[in-house]
Amino acid sequence: MPRPRIIPDLTVFAETRRLLAAGGDKAVSFATVAQATGLAPPTLVQRFGSRDAMVSAALHAAWAAIEARTTEAEAEAPLGAKGALALLKTLGPEAPDLALLAADFRDPALRERAANWRARVEAALALRLGGGDKGRDIAALLFAAWQGQMLWHPAGGKAFRLKDALRRFSA
């Protein structure tokens, strides 16, 4: 009978992503993740088989969390421009993982997941902005502005407000 997992995979995934964010791809090895989690490197090898499989599993787990949060945000955000902004605000806490996940799209499955998520968020925004071609165009611009804001916000400086951007796009 296998031993119970004292340290769950989600903890391993979080540490793997933290190491990726802090030091890039070369910062993640069985040894560094073992040190961060308190697990033995052979335990990680046994769980994931390879370093690349561990990293992939961590990134797929992050996408699963973002997709679940998107479902919640879609259910909570009302129709209308305020609802579109509320949807993005609700998704905002996921931004650190989004920047990390966008950094490496060499994996076709991750790239497809990202494309599907973007299309989903843009469709949800367009629905709240009245639909049609104009709603889809504004949604695409708003999504791009939001992603740009999330990407550059950690670099400092005063960020523009999405509310102001939406007002300009809608004019």
C-alpha atoms as a PDB file:
ATOM      1  CA  MET A   1       0.000   0.000   0.000  1.00  0.00           C
ATOM      2  CA  PRO A   2       1.442   3.411  -0.950  1.00  0.00           C
ATOM      3  CA  ARG A   3       2.202   5.940   1.746  1.00  0.00           C
ATOM      4  CA  PRO A   4      -0.141   8.911   2.080  1.00  0.00           C
ATOM      5  CA  ARG A   5       1.007  12.122   0.441  1.00  0.00           C
ATOM      6  CA  ILE A   6       1.896  14.442   3.258  1.00  0.00           C
ATOM      7  CA  ILE A   7       2.780  17.231   0.838  1.00  0.00           C
ATOM      8  CA  PRO A   8       0.154  17.440  -1.921  1.00  0.00           C
ATOM      9  CA  ASP A   9       0.895  17.937  -5.590  1.00  0.00           C
ATOM     10  CA  LEU A  10      -0.657  21.424  -5.467  1.00  0.00           C
ATOM     11  CA  THR A  11       2.074  22.482  -3.038  1.00  0.00           C
ATOM     12  CA  VAL A  12       4.725  21.044  -5.350  1.00  0.00           C
ATOM     13  CA  PHE A  13       3.126  22.862  -8.286  1.00  0.00           C
ATOM     14  CA  ALA A  14       3.037  26.179  -6.426  1.00  0.00           C
ATOM     15  CA  GLU A  15       6.713  25.889  -5.511  1.00  0.00           C
ATOM     16  CA  THR A  16       7.622  24.886  -9.059  1.00  0.00           C
ATOM     17  CA  ARG A  17       5.869  27.973 -10.425  1.00  0.00           C
ATOM     18  CA  ARG A  18       7.469  30.172  -7.773  1.00  0.00           C
ATOM     19  CA  LEU A  19      10.907  28.899  -8.773  1.00  0.00           C
ATOM     20  CA  LEU A  20      10.100  29.436 -12.453  1.00  0.00           C
ATOM     21  CA  ALA A  21       8.976  32.999 -11.759  1.00  0.00           C
ATOM     22  CA  ALA A  22      12.035  33.771  -9.657  1.00  0.00           C
ATOM     23  CA  GLY A  23      14.753  32.191 -11.752  1.00  0.00           C
ATOM     24  CA  GLY A  24      13.382  30.922 -15.029  1.00  0.00           C
ATOM     25  CA  ASP A  25      13.473  27.452 -16.487  1.00  0.00           C
ATOM     26  CA  LYS A  26      16.963  26.652 -15.213  1.00  0.00           C
ATOM     27  CA  ALA A  27      15.930  27.326 -11.604  1.00  0.00           C
ATOM     28  CA  VAL A  28      13.675  24.268 -11.557  1.00  0.00           C
ATOM     29  CA  SER A  29      15.145  20.851 -10.891  1.00  0.00           C
ATOM     30  CA  PHE A  30      14.179  17.943  -8.696  1.00  0.00           C
ATOM     31  CA  ALA A  31      16.764  19.196  -6.200  1.00  0.00           C
ATOM     32  CA  THR A  32      15.466  22.786  -6.036  1.00  0.00           C
ATOM     33  CA  VAL A  33      11.821  21.714  -5.799  1.00  0.00           C
ATOM     34  CA  ALA A  34      12.757  19.137  -3.169  1.00  0.00           C
ATOM     35  CA  GLN A  35      14.514  21.798  -1.132  1.00  0.00           C
ATOM     36  CA  ALA A  36      11.531  24.152  -1.437  1.00  0.00           C
ATOM     37  CA  THR A  37       8.937  21.524  -0.495  1.00  0.00           C
ATOM     38  CA  GLY A  38      10.808  19.305   1.931  1.00  0.00           C
ATOM     39  CA  LEU A  39      10.299  16.250  -0.247  1.00  0.00           C
ATOM     40  CA  ALA A  40      13.166  14.015  -1.301  1.00  0.00           C
ATOM     41  CA  PRO A  41      14.214  14.274  -4.958  1.00  0.00           C
ATOM     42  CA  PRO A  42      13.497  10.546  -5.527  1.00  0.00           C
ATOM     43  CA  THR A  43       9.944  11.136  -4.304  1.00  0.00           C
ATOM     44  CA  LEU A  44       9.496  13.815  -6.966  1.00  0.00           C
ATOM     45  CA  VAL A  45      10.965  11.501  -9.603  1.00  0.00           C
ATOM     46  CA  GLN A  46       8.548   8.788  -8.505  1.00  0.00           C
ATOM     47  CA  ARG A  47       5.563  11.177  -8.665  1.00  0.00           C
ATOM     48  CA  PHE A  48       6.310  12.884 -11.965  1.00  0.00           C
ATOM     49  CA  GLY A  49       8.824  10.755 -13.856  1.00  0.00           C
ATOM     50  CA  SER A  50      10.787  13.662 -15.280  1.00  0.00           C
ATOM     51  CA  ARG A  51      11.529  17.280 -14.547  1.00  0.00           C
ATOM     52  CA  ASP A  52       9.687  18.366 -17.697  1.00  0.00           C
ATOM     53  CA  ALA A  53       6.610  16.369 -16.666  1.00  0.00           C
ATOM     54  CA  MET A  54       6.692  18.056 -13.244  1.00  0.00           C
ATOM     55  CA  VAL A  55       6.899  21.524 -14.809  1.00  0.00           C
ATOM     56  CA  SER A  56       4.146  20.701 -17.297  1.00  0.00           C
ATOM     57  CA  ALA A  57       1.890  19.388 -14.544  1.00  0.00           C
ATOM     58  CA  ALA A  58       2.495  22.566 -12.517  1.00  0.00           C
ATOM     59  CA  LEU A  59       1.595  24.773 -15.490  1.00  0.00           C
ATOM     60  CA  HIS A  60      -1.501  22.728 -16.353  1.00  0.00           C
ATOM     61  CA  ALA A  61      -2.618  22.962 -12.712  1.00  0.00           C
ATOM     62  CA  ALA A  62      -2.253  26.740 -12.904  1.00  0.00           C
ATOM     63  CA  TRP A  63      -4.390  26.841 -16.048  1.00  0.00           C
ATOM     64  CA  ALA A  64      -7.019  24.685 -14.316  1.00  0.00           C
ATOM     65  CA  ALA A  65      -7.141  27.193 -11.445  1.00  0.00           C
ATOM     66  CA  ILE A  66      -7.427  30.133 -13.839  1.00  0.00           C
ATOM     67  CA  GLU A  67     -10.190  28.402 -15.785  1.00  0.00           C
ATOM     68  CA  ALA A  68     -12.113  27.673 -12.557  1.00  0.00           C
ATOM     69  CA  ARG A  69     -11.729  31.296 -11.478  1.00  0.00           C
ATOM     70  CA  THR A  70     -12.977  32.401 -14.904  1.00  0.00           C
ATOM     71  CA  THR A  71     -16.119  30.309 -14.446  1.00  0.00           C
ATOM     72  CA  GLU A  72     -16.735  32.034 -11.101  1.00  0.00           C
ATOM     73  CA  ALA A  73     -16.074  35.475 -12.579  1.00  0.00           C
ATOM     74  CA  GLU A  74     -18.468  34.852 -15.478  1.00  0.00           C
ATOM     75  CA  ALA A  75     -21.211  33.825 -13.048  1.00  0.00           C
ATOM     76  CA  GLU A  76     -20.686  36.886 -10.825  1.00  0.00           C
ATOM     77  CA  ALA A  77     -20.276  39.640 -13.431  1.00  0.00           C
ATOM     78  CA  PRO A  78     -23.497  41.273 -14.607  1.00  0.00           C
ATOM     79  CA  LEU A  79     -24.186  42.405 -18.155  1.00  0.00           C
ATOM     80  CA  GLY A  80     -23.010  45.885 -19.111  1.00  0.00           C
ATOM     81  CA  ALA A  81     -19.739  47.793 -19.097  1.00  0.00           C
ATOM     82  CA  LYS A  82     -19.479  47.635 -15.300  1.00  0.00           C
ATOM     83  CA  GLY A  83     -19.863  43.867 -15.528  1.00  0.00           C
ATOM     84  CA  ALA A  84     -17.026  43.647 -18.053  1.00  0.00           C
ATOM     85  CA  LEU A  85     -14.749  45.584 -15.711  1.00  0.00           C
ATOM     86  CA  ALA A  86     -15.905  43.472 -12.749  1.00  0.00           C
ATOM     87  CA  LEU A  87     -15.039  40.306 -14.661  1.00  0.00           C
ATOM     88  CA  LEU A  88     -11.482  41.522 -15.267  1.00  0.00           C
ATOM     89  CA  LYS A  89     -11.135  42.737 -11.703  1.00  0.00           C
ATOM     90  CA  THR A  90     -12.183  39.325 -10.413  1.00  0.00           C
ATOM     91  CA  LEU A  91      -9.600  37.673 -12.647  1.00  0.00           C
ATOM     92  CA  GLY A  92      -6.909  40.171 -11.597  1.00  0.00           C
ATOM     93  CA  PRO A  93      -5.504  38.100  -8.699  1.00  0.00           C
ATOM     94  CA  GLU A  94      -4.591  35.400 -11.234  1.00  0.00           C
ATOM     95  CA  ALA A  95      -2.337  37.841 -13.091  1.00  0.00           C
ATOM     96  CA  PRO A  96       0.984  36.656 -11.628  1.00  0.00           C
ATOM     97  CA  ASP A  97       0.337  33.149 -12.940  1.00  0.00           C
ATOM     98  CA  LEU A  98      -0.836  34.563 -16.275  1.00  0.00           C
ATOM     99  CA  ALA A  99       2.466  36.346 -16.789  1.00  0.00           C
ATOM    100  CA  LEU A 100       4.351  33.163 -15.948  1.00  0.00           C
ATOM    101  CA  LEU A 101       2.140  30.999 -18.138  1.00  0.00           C
ATOM    102  CA  ALA A 102       2.479  33.382 -21.069  1.00  0.00           C
ATOM    103  CA  ALA A 103       6.257  33.291 -20.813  1.00  0.00           C
ATOM    104  CA  ASP A 104       6.607  29.844 -22.388  1.00  0.00           C
ATOM    105  CA  PHE A 105       4.258  28.631 -25.071  1.00  0.00           C
ATOM    106  CA  ARG A 106       6.557  25.951 -26.489  1.00  0.00           C
ATOM    107  CA  ASP A 107       4.160  23.287 -25.232  1.00  0.00           C
ATOM    108  CA  PRO A 108       1.355  23.041 -27.810  1.00  0.00           C
ATOM    109  CA  ALA A 109      -1.181  21.903 -25.194  1.00  0.00           C
ATOM    110  CA  LEU A 110      -0.429  24.939 -23.012  1.00  0.00           C
ATOM    111  CA  ARG A 111      -0.528  27.239 -26.029  1.00  0.00           C
ATOM    112  CA  GLU A 112      -3.947  25.846 -27.005  1.00  0.00           C
ATOM    113  CA  ARG A 113      -5.213  26.236 -23.445  1.00  0.00           C
ATOM    114  CA  ALA A 114      -4.111  29.864 -23.434  1.00  0.00           C
ATOM    115  CA  ALA A 115      -5.779  30.567 -26.784  1.00  0.00           C
ATOM    116  CA  ASN A 116      -9.014  28.950 -25.637  1.00  0.00           C
ATOM    117  CA  TRP A 117      -8.974  30.903 -22.374  1.00  0.00           C
ATOM    118  CA  ARG A 118      -8.387  34.188 -24.169  1.00  0.00           C
ATOM    119  CA  ALA A 119     -11.260  33.466 -26.571  1.00  0.00           C
ATOM    120  CA  ARG A 120     -13.466  32.581 -23.611  1.00  0.00           C
ATOM    121  CA  VAL A 121     -12.680  35.785 -21.719  1.00  0.00           C
ATOM    122  CA  GLU A 122     -13.118  37.909 -24.842  1.00  0.00           C
ATOM    123  CA  ALA A 123     -16.493  36.243 -25.502  1.00  0.00           C
ATOM    124  CA  ALA A 124     -17.572  36.910 -21.913  1.00  0.00           C
ATOM    125  CA  LEU A 125     -16.514  40.546 -22.259  1.00  0.00           C
ATOM    126  CA  ALA A 126     -18.265  40.908 -25.617  1.00  0.00           C
ATOM    127  CA  LEU A 127     -21.478  39.512 -24.120  1.00  0.00           C
ATOM    128  CA  ARG A 128     -21.336  42.165 -21.404  1.00  0.00           C
ATOM    129  CA  LEU A 129     -20.585  44.885 -23.973  1.00  0.00           C
ATOM    130  CA  GLY A 130     -23.606  44.200 -26.137  1.00  0.00           C
ATOM    131  CA  GLY A 131     -22.263  41.535 -28.482  1.00  0.00           C
ATOM    132  CA  GLY A 132     -22.026  41.956 -32.225  1.00  0.00           C
ATOM    133  CA  ASP A 133     -18.945  43.018 -34.139  1.00  0.00           C
ATOM    134  CA  LYS A 134     -18.492  46.197 -32.107  1.00  0.00           C
ATOM    135  CA  GLY A 135     -18.757  44.311 -28.804  1.00  0.00           C
ATOM    136  CA  ARG A 136     -16.222  41.714 -29.978  1.00  0.00           C
ATOM    137  CA  ASP A 137     -13.809  44.420 -31.171  1.00  0.00           C
ATOM    138  CA  ILE A 138     -14.054  46.338 -27.906  1.00  0.00           C
ATOM    139  CA  ALA A 139     -13.669  43.088 -25.953  1.00  0.00           C
ATOM    140  CA  ALA A 140     -10.461  42.233 -27.834  1.00  0.00           C
ATOM    141  CA  LEU A 141      -9.048  45.719 -27.180  1.00  0.00           C
ATOM    142  CA  LEU A 142     -10.078  45.631 -23.531  1.00  0.00           C
ATOM    143  CA  PHE A 143      -8.521  42.182 -23.065  1.00  0.00           C
ATOM    144  CA  ALA A 144      -5.256  43.360 -24.638  1.00  0.00           C
ATOM    145  CA  ALA A 145      -5.215  46.511 -22.505  1.00  0.00           C
ATOM    146  CA  TRP A 146      -5.885  44.454 -19.367  1.00  0.00           C
ATOM    147  CA  GLN A 147      -3.107  42.002 -20.180  1.00  0.00           C
ATOM    148  CA  GLY A 148      -0.712  44.869 -20.902  1.00  0.00           C
ATOM    149  CA  GLN A 149      -1.637  46.459 -17.610  1.00  0.00           C
ATOM    150  CA  MET A 150      -1.079  43.179 -15.733  1.00  0.00           C
ATOM    151  CA  LEU A 151       2.253  42.619 -17.471  1.00  0.00           C
ATOM    152  CA  TRP A 152       3.684  46.078 -16.843  1.00  0.00           C
ATOM    153  CA  HIS A 153       2.139  46.916 -13.479  1.00  0.00           C
ATOM    154  CA  PRO A 154       4.901  45.131 -11.492  1.00  0.00           C
ATOM    155  CA  ALA A 155       7.488  47.305 -13.287  1.00  0.00           C
ATOM    156  CA  GLY A 156       6.092  50.352 -11.516  1.00  0.00           C
ATOM    157  CA  GLY A 157       4.657  53.595 -12.689  1.00  0.00           C
ATOM    158  CA  LYS A 158       1.089  54.780 -12.726  1.00  0.00           C
ATOM    159  CA  ALA A 159      -1.077  52.422 -14.737  1.00  0.00           C
ATOM    160  CA  PHE A 160      -3.965  53.730 -16.784  1.00  0.00           C
ATOM    161  CA  ARG A 161      -7.430  52.775 -15.664  1.00  0.00           C
ATOM    162  CA  LEU A 162      -9.334  50.160 -17.632  1.00  0.00           C
ATOM    163  CA  LYS A 163     -12.516  52.145 -17.022  1.00  0.00           C
ATOM    164  CA  ASP A 164     -11.002  55.056 -18.972  1.00  0.00           C
ATOM    165  CA  ALA A 165      -9.840  52.747 -21.758  1.00  0.00           C
ATOM    166  CA  LEU A 166     -13.296  51.184 -22.037  1.00  0.00           C
ATOM    167  CA  ARG A 167     -14.863  54.638 -22.257  1.00  0.00           C
ATOM    168  CA  ARG A 168     -12.498  55.546 -25.141  1.00  0.00           C
ATOM    169  CA  PHE A 169     -13.017  52.243 -26.939  1.00  0.00           C
ATOM    170  CA  SER A 170     -16.794  52.593 -26.697  1.00  0.00           C
ATOM    171  CA  ALA A 171     -16.920  56.182 -27.973  1.00  0.00           C
END
